[in-house]
C-alpha atoms as a PDB file:
ATOM      1  CA  UNK A   1      40.824-101.941  92.554  1.00  0.00           C
ATOM      2  CA  UNK A   2      40.021 -99.077  94.855  1.00  0.00           C
ATOM      3  CA  UNK A   3      40.387 -95.373  94.154  1.00  0.00           C
ATOM      4  CA  UNK A   4      43.179 -94.039  96.321  1.00  0.00           C
ATOM      5  CA  UNK A   5      43.180 -90.308  95.586  1.00  0.00           C
ATOM      6  CA  UNK A   6      42.914 -87.660  92.922  1.00  0.00           C
ATOM      7  CA  UNK A   7      46.190 -86.259  91.626  1.00  0.00           C
ATOM      8  CA  UNK A   8      46.786 -83.474  89.143  1.00  0.00           C
ATOM      9  CA  UNK A   9      49.139 -81.883  86.627  1.00  0.00           C
ATOM     10  CA  UNK A  10      48.214 -78.276  87.398  1.00  0.00           C
ATOM     11  CA  UNK A  11      51.755 -77.151  88.230  1.00  0.00           C
ATOM     12  CA  UNK A  12      53.300 -78.615  85.070  1.00  0.00           C
ATOM     13  CA  UNK A  13      50.611 -77.242  82.778  1.00  0.00           C
ATOM     14  CA  UNK A  14      50.633 -73.821  84.477  1.00  0.00           C
ATOM     15  CA  UNK A  15      54.405 -73.552  84.133  1.00  0.00           C
ATOM     16  CA  UNK A  16      54.286 -74.643  80.476  1.00  0.00           C
ATOM     17  CA  UNK A  17      51.887 -71.734  79.875  1.00  0.00           C
ATOM     18  CA  UNK A  18      54.213 -69.382  81.787  1.00  0.00           C
ATOM     19  CA  UNK A  19      51.518 -68.461  84.319  1.00  0.00           C
ATOM     20  CA  UNK A  20      52.228 -67.629  87.943  1.00  0.00           C
ATOM     21  CA  UNK A  21      50.099 -69.101  90.696  1.00  0.00           C
ATOM     22  CA  UNK A  22      48.699 -65.623  91.318  1.00  0.00           C
ATOM     23  CA  UNK A  23      47.746 -65.114  87.652  1.00  0.00           C
ATOM     24  CA  UNK A  24      46.033 -68.490  87.499  1.00  0.00           C
ATOM     25  CA  UNK A  25      44.184 -67.840  90.739  1.00  0.00           C
ATOM     26  CA  UNK A  26      42.891 -64.480  89.495  1.00  0.00           C
ATOM     27  CA  UNK A  27      41.738 -65.969  86.197  1.00  0.00           C
ATOM     28  CA  UNK A  28      39.637 -68.637  87.899  1.00  0.00           C
ATOM     29  CA  UNK A  29      38.499 -66.533  90.844  1.00  0.00           C
ATOM     30  CA  UNK A  30      40.217 -68.234  93.785  1.00  0.00           C
ATOM     31  CA  UNK A  31      42.973 -67.329  96.236  1.00  0.00           C
ATOM     32  CA  UNK A  32      46.588 -68.143  95.427  1.00  0.00           C
ATOM     33  CA  UNK A  33      46.589 -70.454  98.475  1.00  0.00           C
ATOM     34  CA  UNK A  34      43.976 -72.580  96.697  1.00  0.00           C
ATOM     35  CA  UNK A  35      46.296 -73.066  93.721  1.00  0.00           C
ATOM     36  CA  UNK A  36      49.162 -73.905  96.083  1.00  0.00           C
ATOM     37  CA  UNK A  37      47.038 -76.526  97.873  1.00  0.00           C
ATOM     38  CA  UNK A  38      45.863 -78.053  94.580  1.00  0.00           C
ATOM     39  CA  UNK A  39      49.409 -78.224  93.205  1.00  0.00           C
ATOM     40  CA  UNK A  40      50.675 -79.852  96.417  1.00  0.00           C
ATOM     41  CA  UNK A  41      47.912 -82.494  96.150  1.00  0.00           C
ATOM     42  CA  UNK A  42      46.480 -81.272  99.481  1.00  0.00           C
ATOM     43  CA  UNK A  43      43.090 -80.178  98.134  1.00  0.00           C
ATOM     44  CA  UNK A  44      40.679 -81.724  95.651  1.00  0.00           C
ATOM     45  CA  UNK A  45      38.867 -78.803  94.026  1.00  0.00           C
ATOM     46  CA  UNK A  46      35.146 -78.559  93.439  1.00  0.00           C
ATOM     47  CA  UNK A  47      33.864 -79.421  89.989  1.00  0.00           C
ATOM     48  CA  UNK A  48      33.438 -75.705  89.302  1.00  0.00           C
ATOM     49  CA  UNK A  49      37.072 -74.954  90.093  1.00  0.00           C
ATOM     50  CA  UNK A  50      38.217 -78.013  88.109  1.00  0.00           C
ATOM     51  CA  UNK A  51      36.224 -76.864  85.072  1.00  0.00           C
ATOM     52  CA  UNK A  52      37.557 -73.306  85.415  1.00  0.00           C
ATOM     53  CA  UNK A  53      41.110 -74.676  85.538  1.00  0.00           C
ATOM     54  CA  UNK A  54      40.452 -76.784  82.438  1.00  0.00           C
ATOM     55  CA  UNK A  55      39.154 -73.724  80.596  1.00  0.00           C
ATOM     56  CA  UNK A  56      42.017 -71.420  81.589  1.00  0.00           C
ATOM     57  CA  UNK A  57      44.690 -74.088  81.072  1.00  0.00           C
ATOM     58  CA  UNK A  58      43.062 -75.100  77.759  1.00  0.00           C
ATOM     59  CA  UNK A  59      43.097 -78.793  78.647  1.00  0.00           C
ATOM     60  CA  UNK A  60      40.408 -81.439  79.145  1.00  0.00           C
ATOM     61  CA  UNK A  61      39.688 -82.061  82.828  1.00  0.00           C
ATOM     62  CA  UNK A  62      40.972 -85.648  82.548  1.00  0.00           C
ATOM     63  CA  UNK A  63      44.386 -84.376  81.365  1.00  0.00           C
ATOM     64  CA  UNK A  64      44.627 -82.240  84.505  1.00  0.00           C
ATOM     65  CA  UNK A  65      43.073 -84.508  87.169  1.00  0.00           C
ATOM     66  CA  UNK A  66      43.390 -88.271  87.439  1.00  0.00           C
ATOM     67  CA  UNK A  67      42.922 -91.103  89.910  1.00  0.00           C
ATOM     68  CA  UNK A  68      45.652 -93.191  91.432  1.00  0.00           C
ATOM     69  CA  UNK A  69      44.532 -96.711  92.246  1.00  0.00           C
ATOM     70  CA  UNK A  70      45.345 -99.046  95.104  1.00  0.00           C
ATOM     71  CA  UNK A  71      45.433-102.792  94.542  1.00  0.00           C
END
């Protein structure tokens, strides 16, 4: 199997915590556009941003980001 791409659950987790994109962005030190791009699966964040998201969203990184696989 070959790794196709990294997907994420940022939007679902953020909404469950009742956070806006702007609030989340401020808490991790990025622009709101970065959160939008991550949630739309258009941008794979750096490890630093991924770890900051995990901390703020109170989830392990692997619950937020995951691979999809091609056969």
